[in-house]
Protein backbone atom coordinates (compact mmCIF):
# COMPACT_ATOMS: atom_id res chain seq x y z
CA MET A 1 0.00 0.00 0.00
CA PHE A 2 2.75 2.49 0.91
CA ALA A 3 4.59 1.65 -2.32
CA VAL A 4 2.26 4.05 -4.14
CA LEU A 5 4.05 6.90 -2.34
CA ARG A 6 6.96 6.43 -4.76
CA HIS A 7 4.95 8.62 -7.10
CA ARG A 8 6.19 12.02 -6.02
CA ASP A 9 3.10 14.07 -6.76
CA PHE A 10 0.79 11.59 -5.05
CA ALA A 11 3.08 11.60 -2.00
CA LEU A 12 2.72 15.39 -1.88
CA ILE A 13 -1.07 15.23 -2.23
CA TRP A 14 -1.22 12.62 0.54
CA SER A 15 1.06 14.72 2.79
CA GLY A 16 -1.20 17.73 2.30
CA GLN A 17 -4.20 15.60 3.26
CA LEU A 18 -2.43 14.41 6.40
CA VAL A 19 -1.52 17.91 7.56
CA SER A 20 -4.79 19.66 6.74
CA GLY A 21 -6.83 16.68 8.01
CA MET A 22 -5.38 17.01 11.48
CA GLY A 23 -6.09 20.73 11.33
CA ASP A 24 -9.71 19.99 10.42
CA TRP A 25 -10.20 18.00 13.62
CA LEU A 26 -8.55 20.74 15.71
CA ARG A 27 -11.12 23.14 14.24
CA ASN A 28 -14.10 20.78 14.47
CA MET A 29 -13.57 19.94 18.12
CA ALA A 30 -12.73 23.53 19.04
CA LEU A 31 -15.87 24.82 17.32
CA LEU A 32 -18.04 22.25 19.07
CA TYR A 33 -16.63 22.97 22.55
CA TRP A 34 -16.52 26.74 22.00
CA VAL A 35 -20.18 26.95 20.92
CA PHE A 36 -21.12 24.74 23.87
CA SER A 37 -19.18 27.06 26.19
CA VAL A 38 -20.62 30.29 24.77
CA THR A 39 -24.18 29.01 25.14
CA GLY A 40 -23.52 27.55 28.57
CA GLY A 41 -24.52 24.14 27.29
CA GLU A 42 -28.16 25.25 27.31
CA SER A 43 -28.80 25.45 23.55
CA PRO A 44 -28.87 22.18 21.61
CA LEU A 45 -30.10 24.21 18.64
CA ALA A 46 -26.91 26.27 18.62
CA THR A 47 -24.83 23.09 18.70
CA ALA A 48 -26.91 21.50 15.94
CA ALA A 49 -26.39 24.61 13.82
CA ILE A 50 -22.72 23.61 13.50
CA THR A 51 -23.74 20.44 11.69
CA VAL A 52 -26.11 22.40 9.45
CA ALA A 53 -23.42 24.95 8.60
CA THR A 54 -20.85 22.29 7.72
CA THR A 55 -23.12 19.89 5.79
CA ALA A 56 -25.38 22.31 3.92
CA PRO A 57 -22.71 23.26 1.31
CA ALA A 58 -22.33 19.62 0.21
CA LEU A 59 -26.09 19.45 -0.34
CA LEU A 60 -26.51 22.86 -1.98
CA LEU A 61 -23.24 23.45 -3.82
CA GLY A 62 -21.92 19.99 -4.70
CA LEU A 63 -22.74 20.08 -8.42
CA THR A 64 -21.74 23.73 -8.88
CA ALA A 65 -18.41 23.21 -7.12
CA GLY A 66 -17.75 20.04 -9.12
CA THR A 67 -18.45 21.92 -12.35
CA LEU A 68 -15.96 24.63 -11.43
CA ALA A 69 -13.38 21.98 -10.50
CA ASP A 70 -13.79 20.52 -13.99
CA ARG A 71 -13.17 23.92 -15.61
CA TRP A 72 -9.97 24.86 -13.78
CA GLU A 73 -6.48 23.43 -13.48
CA ARG A 74 -6.65 21.12 -10.48
CA ARG A 75 -3.33 21.95 -8.82
CA ARG A 76 -4.25 25.64 -8.74
CA VAL A 77 -7.62 24.72 -7.25
CA LEU A 78 -5.89 22.90 -4.36
CA ILE A 79 -3.60 25.86 -3.71
CA PHE A 80 -6.48 28.36 -3.86
CA CYS A 81 -8.63 26.26 -1.51
CA ASP A 82 -5.87 25.83 1.06
CA ALA A 83 -5.07 29.56 1.02
CA THR A 84 -8.76 30.46 1.37
CA ARG A 85 -9.35 28.04 4.23
CA CYS A 86 -6.26 29.37 5.98
CA VAL A 87 -7.78 32.87 5.94
CA LEU A 88 -11.18 31.53 7.03
CA SER A 89 -9.60 29.74 9.99
CA LEU A 90 -8.04 33.02 11.06
CA LEU A 91 -11.48 34.63 10.82
CA GLN A 92 -12.69 32.12 13.42
CA LEU A 93 -10.31 33.90 15.81
CA VAL A 94 -12.31 37.08 15.18
CA ALA A 95 -15.50 35.18 16.03
CA VAL A 96 -13.89 33.99 19.26
CA ALA A 97 -12.75 37.51 20.16
CA LYS A 98 -16.22 38.96 19.52
CA GLN A 99 -18.04 35.93 20.97
CA SER A 100 -20.06 35.97 17.74
CA LEU A 101 -21.92 32.75 16.95
CA PRO A 102 -23.34 34.05 13.63
CA LEU A 103 -19.84 34.86 12.38
CA ALA A 104 -18.60 31.43 13.45
CA TYR A 105 -21.44 29.75 11.53
CA VAL A 106 -20.80 31.84 8.41
CA VAL A 107 -17.09 31.01 8.48
CA ALA A 108 -17.82 27.31 8.99
CA PHE A 109 -20.26 27.37 6.05
CA CYS A 110 -17.74 29.10 3.79
CA SER A 111 -14.95 26.71 4.76
CA SER A 112 -17.17 23.73 3.96
CA ALA A 113 -18.17 25.35 0.65
CA VAL A 114 -14.51 25.65 -0.34
CA GLU A 115 -14.02 21.98 0.58
CA GLN A 116 -16.64 21.03 -2.03
CA LEU A 117 -14.32 22.52 -4.66
CA TYR A 118 -11.17 20.99 -3.16
CA ASP A 119 -12.18 17.32 -3.04
CA PRO A 120 -13.13 16.79 -6.73
CA ALA A 121 -9.95 18.57 -7.83
CA ARG A 122 -7.84 16.37 -5.55
CA VAL A 123 -9.43 13.15 -6.84
CA ALA A 124 -8.88 14.20 -10.46
CA LEU A 125 -5.26 15.11 -9.74
CA ILE A 126 -4.68 11.72 -8.10
CA ARG A 127 -6.05 10.02 -11.20
CA ALA A 128 -3.60 12.02 -13.32
CA THR A 129 -0.59 11.15 -11.13
CA VAL A 130 -1.19 7.49 -10.22
CA PRO A 131 -1.27 4.62 -12.76
CA ARG A 132 -4.67 2.97 -13.13
CA GLU A 133 -3.48 -0.35 -11.68
CA GLU A 134 -2.43 1.43 -8.45
CA LEU A 135 -5.60 3.46 -7.89
CA VAL A 136 -6.92 0.92 -5.35
CA ALA A 137 -3.68 1.16 -3.36
CA ALA A 138 -3.88 4.97 -3.48
CA SER A 139 -7.52 4.89 -2.38
CA SER A 140 -6.74 2.47 0.46
CA LEU A 141 -3.90 4.65 1.70
CA ARG A 142 -6.05 7.79 1.61
CA GLN A 143 -8.89 6.06 3.45
CA THR A 144 -6.51 4.53 6.00
CA THR A 145 -5.09 7.98 6.62
CA THR A 146 -8.58 9.42 7.00
CA SER A 147 -9.49 6.73 9.54
CA ALA A 148 -6.27 7.30 11.49
CA ILE A 149 -6.85 11.06 11.50
CA MET A 150 -10.41 10.49 12.74
CA MET A 151 -9.22 8.30 15.62
CA LEU A 152 -6.39 10.63 16.65
CA GLY A 153 -8.01 13.92 15.70
CA MET A 154 -10.85 13.82 18.22
CA ALA A 155 -8.46 13.18 21.10
CA LEU A 156 -5.89 15.70 19.87
CA GLY A 157 -8.51 18.37 19.17
CA THR A 158 -10.05 17.89 22.61
CA GLY A 159 -6.68 18.00 24.34
CA VAL A 160 -5.49 21.13 22.54
CA TYR A 161 -8.73 22.97 23.24
CA PHE A 162 -8.86 22.27 26.96
CA MET A 163 -5.13 22.66 27.54
CA LEU A 164 -4.41 25.65 25.28
CA GLY A 165 -7.78 27.14 24.41
CA PRO A 166 -9.70 27.98 21.20
CA TRP A 167 -7.16 30.58 20.10
CA VAL A 168 -4.44 27.97 19.70
CA SER A 169 -6.84 25.46 18.12
CA PHE A 170 -7.94 27.80 15.33
CA ALA A 171 -4.42 29.20 14.85
CA LEU A 172 -3.03 25.67 14.40
CA ASP A 173 -5.84 24.93 11.96
CA ALA A 174 -4.85 27.98 9.89
CA ALA A 175 -1.21 26.91 10.05
CA SER A 176 -2.11 23.43 8.79
CA PHE A 177 -3.75 24.88 5.68
CA PHE A 178 -0.75 27.12 5.07
CA VAL A 179 1.59 24.13 5.26
CA ALA A 180 -0.71 22.14 2.95
CA MET A 181 -0.67 25.04 0.47
CA VAL A 182 3.15 25.06 0.46
CA ILE A 183 3.18 21.29 -0.09
CA ASN A 184 0.77 21.58 -3.03
CA LEU A 185 2.93 24.29 -4.58
CA ALA A 186 5.62 21.62 -4.98
CA ILE A 187 3.37 19.40 -7.14
CA ARG A 188 4.81 19.28 -10.64
CA GLY A 189 1.94 17.68 -12.52
CA ARG A 190 -0.83 19.67 -14.13
CA CYS A 191 -4.36 18.41 -14.71
CA VAL A 192 -6.68 20.35 -17.00
CA SER A 193 -9.87 19.04 -18.55
CA SER A 194 -9.58 19.26 -22.32
CA SER A 195 -13.29 18.58 -22.82
CA VAL A 196 -14.58 21.70 -21.04
CA ARG A 197 -15.33 24.65 -23.31
CA ALA A 198 -14.08 27.92 -21.89
CA VAL A 199 -17.01 29.88 -23.39
CA SER A 200 -19.74 27.61 -22.05
CA SER A 201 -21.71 28.59 -18.97
CA VAL A 202 -21.39 26.88 -15.61
CA TRP A 203 -25.10 26.05 -15.72
CA ARG A 204 -24.80 24.40 -19.16
CA GLU A 205 -21.88 22.29 -17.97
CA ALA A 206 -23.72 21.37 -14.77
CA ARG A 207 -26.70 20.25 -16.85
CA GLU A 208 -24.37 18.15 -19.03
CA GLY A 209 -23.09 16.49 -15.86
CA LEU A 210 -26.65 15.69 -14.74
CA GLU A 211 -27.50 14.26 -18.15
CA TYR A 212 -24.37 12.11 -18.02
CA VAL A 213 -25.34 10.78 -14.59
CA ARG A 214 -28.93 10.12 -15.67
CA GLY A 215 -27.83 8.24 -18.79
CA SER A 216 -25.21 6.03 -17.14
CA LEU A 217 -26.25 2.78 -15.47
CA PHE A 218 -22.78 2.65 -13.96
CA ILE A 219 -23.11 6.03 -12.23
CA ARG A 220 -26.70 5.44 -11.17
CA SER A 221 -25.71 2.15 -9.53
CA LEU A 222 -22.86 3.87 -7.70
CA LEU A 223 -25.25 6.57 -6.50
CA VAL A 224 -27.75 4.05 -5.14
CA LEU A 225 -25.06 2.15 -3.24
CA GLY A 226 -23.47 5.30 -1.86
CA ALA A 227 -26.82 6.85 -0.93
CA MET A 228 -27.95 3.73 0.92
CA ALA A 229 -24.67 3.58 2.83
CA MET A 230 -24.96 7.23 3.88
CA ALA A 231 -28.61 6.82 4.88
CA ALA A 232 -27.56 3.91 7.07
CA SER A 233 -24.77 6.02 8.54
CA GLY A 234 -27.22 8.77 9.46
CA LEU A 235 -29.60 6.23 10.99
CA ILE A 236 -26.88 4.56 13.08
CA GLU A 237 -25.74 7.94 14.39
CA VAL A 238 -29.20 8.39 15.90
CA VAL A 239 -30.22 4.88 16.98
CA GLN A 240 -26.97 3.66 18.53
CA ILE A 241 -27.44 5.66 21.72
CA TYR A 242 -30.92 4.14 22.15
CA LEU A 243 -29.67 0.64 21.41
CA VAL A 244 -27.08 1.01 24.17
CA THR A 245 -29.35 2.64 26.77
CA ARG A 246 -32.92 1.45 26.08
CA GLU A 247 -32.34 -2.00 24.64
CA LEU A 248 -29.15 -3.08 26.43
CA GLY A 249 -29.78 -1.11 29.65
CA LEU A 250 -26.26 0.29 29.76
CA PRO A 251 -25.03 3.80 30.66
CA GLU A 252 -24.60 6.18 27.73
CA ASP A 253 -20.81 6.33 28.09
CA ARG A 254 -20.64 2.78 26.69
CA LEU A 255 -21.52 4.31 23.34
CA ALA A 256 -17.83 5.24 23.01
CA TRP A 257 -17.05 1.55 22.56
CA LEU A 258 -19.09 1.44 19.37
CA GLY A 259 -17.49 4.59 17.98
CA THR A 260 -13.99 3.35 18.73
CA THR A 261 -14.80 -0.03 17.21
CA LEU A 262 -15.95 1.60 13.97
CA GLY A 263 -12.77 3.66 13.66
CA VAL A 264 -10.42 0.77 14.47
CA SER A 265 -12.18 -1.69 12.14
CA MET A 266 -12.09 0.77 9.25
CA PHE A 267 -8.42 1.58 9.86
CA ALA A 268 -7.49 -2.11 9.96
CA GLY A 269 -9.70 -2.90 6.97
CA PHE A 270 -8.20 -0.24 4.72
CA ALA A 271 -4.69 -1.31 5.69
CA LEU A 272 -5.53 -4.96 4.96
CA VAL A 273 -7.18 -4.23 1.61
CA GLY A 274 -4.24 -2.11 0.54
CA SER A 275 -1.86 -5.04 1.05
CA PHE A 276 -3.55 -7.29 -1.53
CA HIS A 277 -5.36 -4.79 -3.74
CA ARG A 278 -4.23 -6.40 -7.00
CA ARG A 279 -6.36 -9.50 -6.30
CA LEU A 280 -9.62 -7.61 -5.85
CA ARG A 281 -12.50 -7.51 -8.33
CA LEU A 282 -13.52 -3.88 -7.99
CA GLU A 283 -16.90 -4.27 -9.67
CA TRP A 284 -18.19 -6.48 -6.83
CA LEU A 285 -16.75 -4.56 -3.87
CA PRO A 286 -19.40 -1.81 -3.45
CA GLY A 287 -22.32 -4.26 -3.48
CA LEU A 288 -20.49 -6.69 -1.21
CA GLY A 289 -19.58 -3.86 1.15
CA LEU A 290 -23.16 -2.61 1.41
CA GLY A 291 -24.35 -6.16 2.04
CA VAL A 292 -21.81 -6.63 4.85
CA CYS A 293 -22.99 -3.31 6.33
CA GLY A 294 -26.55 -4.63 6.22
CA VAL A 295 -25.56 -7.80 8.07
CA GLY A 296 -23.76 -5.69 10.69
CA VAL A 297 -26.74 -3.39 11.20
CA LEU A 298 -29.07 -6.39 11.49
CA LEU A 299 -26.75 -7.98 14.05
CA MET A 300 -26.78 -4.77 16.08
CA ALA A 301 -30.59 -4.80 15.97
CA VAL A 302 -30.83 -8.26 17.56
CA ALA A 303 -27.75 -7.95 19.81
CA PRO A 304 -28.41 -9.33 23.32
CA SER A 305 -25.23 -7.74 24.67
CA LEU A 306 -22.75 -4.95 23.99
CA LEU A 307 -20.19 -7.50 22.75
CA VAL A 308 -22.53 -8.68 19.98
CA ALA A 309 -23.32 -5.07 19.08
CA ILE A 310 -19.56 -4.43 18.82
CA VAL A 311 -19.23 -7.38 16.43
CA GLY A 312 -22.03 -5.84 14.37
CA MET A 313 -20.19 -2.52 14.30
CA VAL A 314 -17.02 -4.31 13.13
CA LEU A 315 -19.01 -5.63 10.16
CA VAL A 316 -20.35 -2.14 9.48
CA GLY A 317 -16.79 -0.80 9.48
CA LEU A 318 -15.48 -3.54 7.19
CA GLY A 319 -18.45 -3.10 4.87
CA ASN A 320 -17.68 0.61 4.59
CA VAL A 321 -14.09 -0.29 3.72
CA LEU A 322 -15.15 -2.55 0.85
CA LEU A 323 -17.68 0.02 -0.35
CA ASN A 324 -15.24 2.94 -0.39
CA VAL A 325 -12.31 0.99 -1.81
CA GLY A 326 -14.55 0.01 -4.71
CA LEU A 327 -16.34 3.32 -5.28
CA GLY A 328 -13.30 5.60 -5.51
CA PRO A 329 -11.15 3.68 -8.03
CA LEU A 330 -14.18 2.70 -10.14
CA MET A 331 -15.22 6.32 -10.43
CA GLN A 332 -11.67 7.44 -11.22
CA THR A 333 -11.26 4.70 -13.82
CA TYR A 334 -14.54 4.81 -15.75
CA VAL A 335 -15.73 8.41 -15.46
CA ASP A 336 -14.39 10.77 -18.11
CA MET A 337 -11.79 13.13 -16.64
CA GLY A 338 -13.69 16.16 -17.91
CA LEU A 339 -16.82 15.09 -16.01
CA LEU A 340 -15.26 13.72 -12.83
CA GLY A 341 -15.82 16.87 -10.77
CA ARG A 342 -19.49 17.10 -11.73
CA VAL A 343 -20.10 13.41 -11.04
CA MET A 344 -18.44 13.77 -7.63
CA GLY A 345 -20.51 16.88 -6.96
CA VAL A 346 -23.75 15.00 -7.65
CA PHE A 347 -22.48 12.09 -5.55
CA ARG A 348 -21.73 14.35 -2.58
CA SER A 349 -25.08 16.11 -2.77
CA VAL A 350 -27.02 12.85 -2.97
CA SER A 351 -24.93 11.28 -0.19
CA THR A 352 -25.44 14.25 2.13
CA ALA A 353 -29.19 14.32 1.47
CA SER A 354 -29.35 10.58 2.15
CA MET A 355 -27.46 10.92 5.43
CA LEU A 356 -29.78 13.69 6.61
CA LEU A 357 -32.81 11.66 5.50
CA GLY A 358 -31.56 8.60 7.39
CA ALA A 359 -30.94 10.60 10.56
CA SER A 360 -34.26 12.45 10.45
CA SER A 361 -36.22 9.29 9.59
CA ALA A 362 -34.62 7.43 12.48
CA GLY A 363 -35.51 10.18 14.90
CA TYR A 364 -39.13 10.11 13.73
CA LEU A 365 -39.49 6.32 13.60
CA ILE A 366 -37.92 5.68 17.00
CA ALA A 367 -40.60 7.88 18.56
CA TYR A 368 -43.29 5.52 17.25
CA ALA A 369 -41.63 2.12 16.88
CA ASN A 370 -39.25 -0.21 18.67
CA THR A 371 -35.58 0.72 18.22
CA ARG A 372 -34.63 -2.85 17.32
CA GLN A 373 -37.37 -3.03 14.68
CA VAL A 374 -36.24 0.20 13.03
CA THR A 375 -32.60 -0.88 13.02
CA GLY A 376 -33.42 -4.38 11.78
CA ALA A 377 -35.56 -3.05 8.93
CA ALA A 378 -32.67 -0.81 7.88
CA GLY A 379 -30.31 -3.81 7.84
CA VAL A 380 -32.66 -5.82 5.63
CA LEU A 381 -33.13 -2.86 3.28
CA LEU A 382 -29.35 -2.50 2.92
CA MET A 383 -28.96 -6.16 1.99
CA VAL A 384 -31.73 -5.97 -0.61
CA ALA A 385 -30.21 -2.80 -2.12
CA ALA A 386 -26.80 -4.47 -2.15
CA LEU A 387 -28.17 -7.44 -4.09
CA PHE A 388 -29.91 -5.44 -6.80
CA ALA A 389 -27.75 -2.31 -7.16
CA GLY A 390 -24.53 -4.31 -6.64
CA SER A 391 -25.35 -6.77 -9.44
CA ARG A 392 -26.34 -3.92 -11.77
CA LEU A 393 -23.07 -2.14 -11.02
CA ALA A 394 -21.02 -5.28 -11.72
CA HIS A 395 -22.83 -5.76 -15.04
CA ALA A 396 -22.24 -2.10 -16.00
CA VAL A 397 -18.52 -2.33 -15.17
CA VAL A 398 -18.09 -5.51 -17.22
CA THR A 399 -19.75 -3.74 -20.16
CA LEU A 400 -17.53 -0.66 -19.79
CA ARG A 401 -14.44 -2.82 -19.51
CA ALA A 402 -15.34 -4.65 -22.70
CA GLU A 403 -15.89 -1.34 -24.51
CA HIS A 404 -12.49 -0.09 -23.37
CA SER A 405 -10.85 -3.31 -24.54
CA GLU A 406 -12.48 -2.98 -27.97
CA GLU A 407 -11.30 0.61 -28.28
CA HIS A 408 -7.71 -0.38 -27.48
CA ALA A 409 -7.91 -3.32 -29.89
CA LEU A 410 -8.94 -1.19 -32.88
CA PRO A 411 -6.17 -1.01 -35.52
CA THR A 412 -4.55 2.34 -36.05
CA ALA A 413 -5.03 3.77 -39.54
CA THR A 414 -1.88 4.69 -41.44
CA VAL A 415 -1.86 7.80 -43.60
CA LYS A 416 0.17 7.45 -46.81
């Protein structure tokens, strides 16, 4: 898995992710604790507004940001985004000084909006710098890094905030983006979409992206699998506390065991997949992953003890690994480079909407139905979706692979 770092530009992209990712968790935890402190812990609405501010851009701006990422040179996009987020992190210091919650929310929204532009550009640049046969290894390493950052970032962000205060947290976040910007400046490769017309409007290109998604069985299957996974993620975020307290009769602090289990299982899973990535059949991984998630959710629904629920969460983590390791490389391999940003934008918007729908539906259903029944039904639904959407995806990939083989097999005409 680490062998892919021999590609210099990918190593730089990965290093920038590592640095800025840790900064993200410093900011996230500081913002959560600071808002809680300013409101005296008496305003759940104010705390929930953080989630709204950070997730709304993915829902509202995903396609537009992806379209812009397709129009511009990707390395410059990364540099611009890091510089902008550095400035925005410094503006959070102004919000702290003025004790201004509205300013903090606006800055958080803007930072998340910039991230919608950053991610599609980074994925496209990785595709341009890593050989196709190593995309799975690159994806595994990125996801392993993300899981490690998640596990360490919460603890580090909490420690920095309570030991050094919000000023240091936000200042370190700004510094992380500055360092990431310097790292991205060293990238030598350039990645520009040749298929985007400079004179065309953003709206026309966005509509072309939607038409491409609507007309592709491959993309539609990916969207269904990703949307179902995110809906399940939103549901689990809500129901797990009730499974631990209501159904298992345990104190709420035992919930931390499930969260830790998810992070550790995903970290180990990505590391394991990266070690034998060449043996994997990518077209089957997303469907298999969603099915494993469904089994894990169903096991959590019927768990008679915390240990069984932990085993279920391990399966959920491993299923997410298989799903993500398949989704990323498949999208990078079979989506046209000039449309990759728009496809990712649609994917992010649909995924975010699905997560919010899963969370809100769970909150509503739990009020009227048994927690185990709601969770079990979700597990069954995931397995059914995995069977149908997963098989359709595999069929679409086989067809695309055959088309690519035919194109490469065509004889080259000689001009005399």
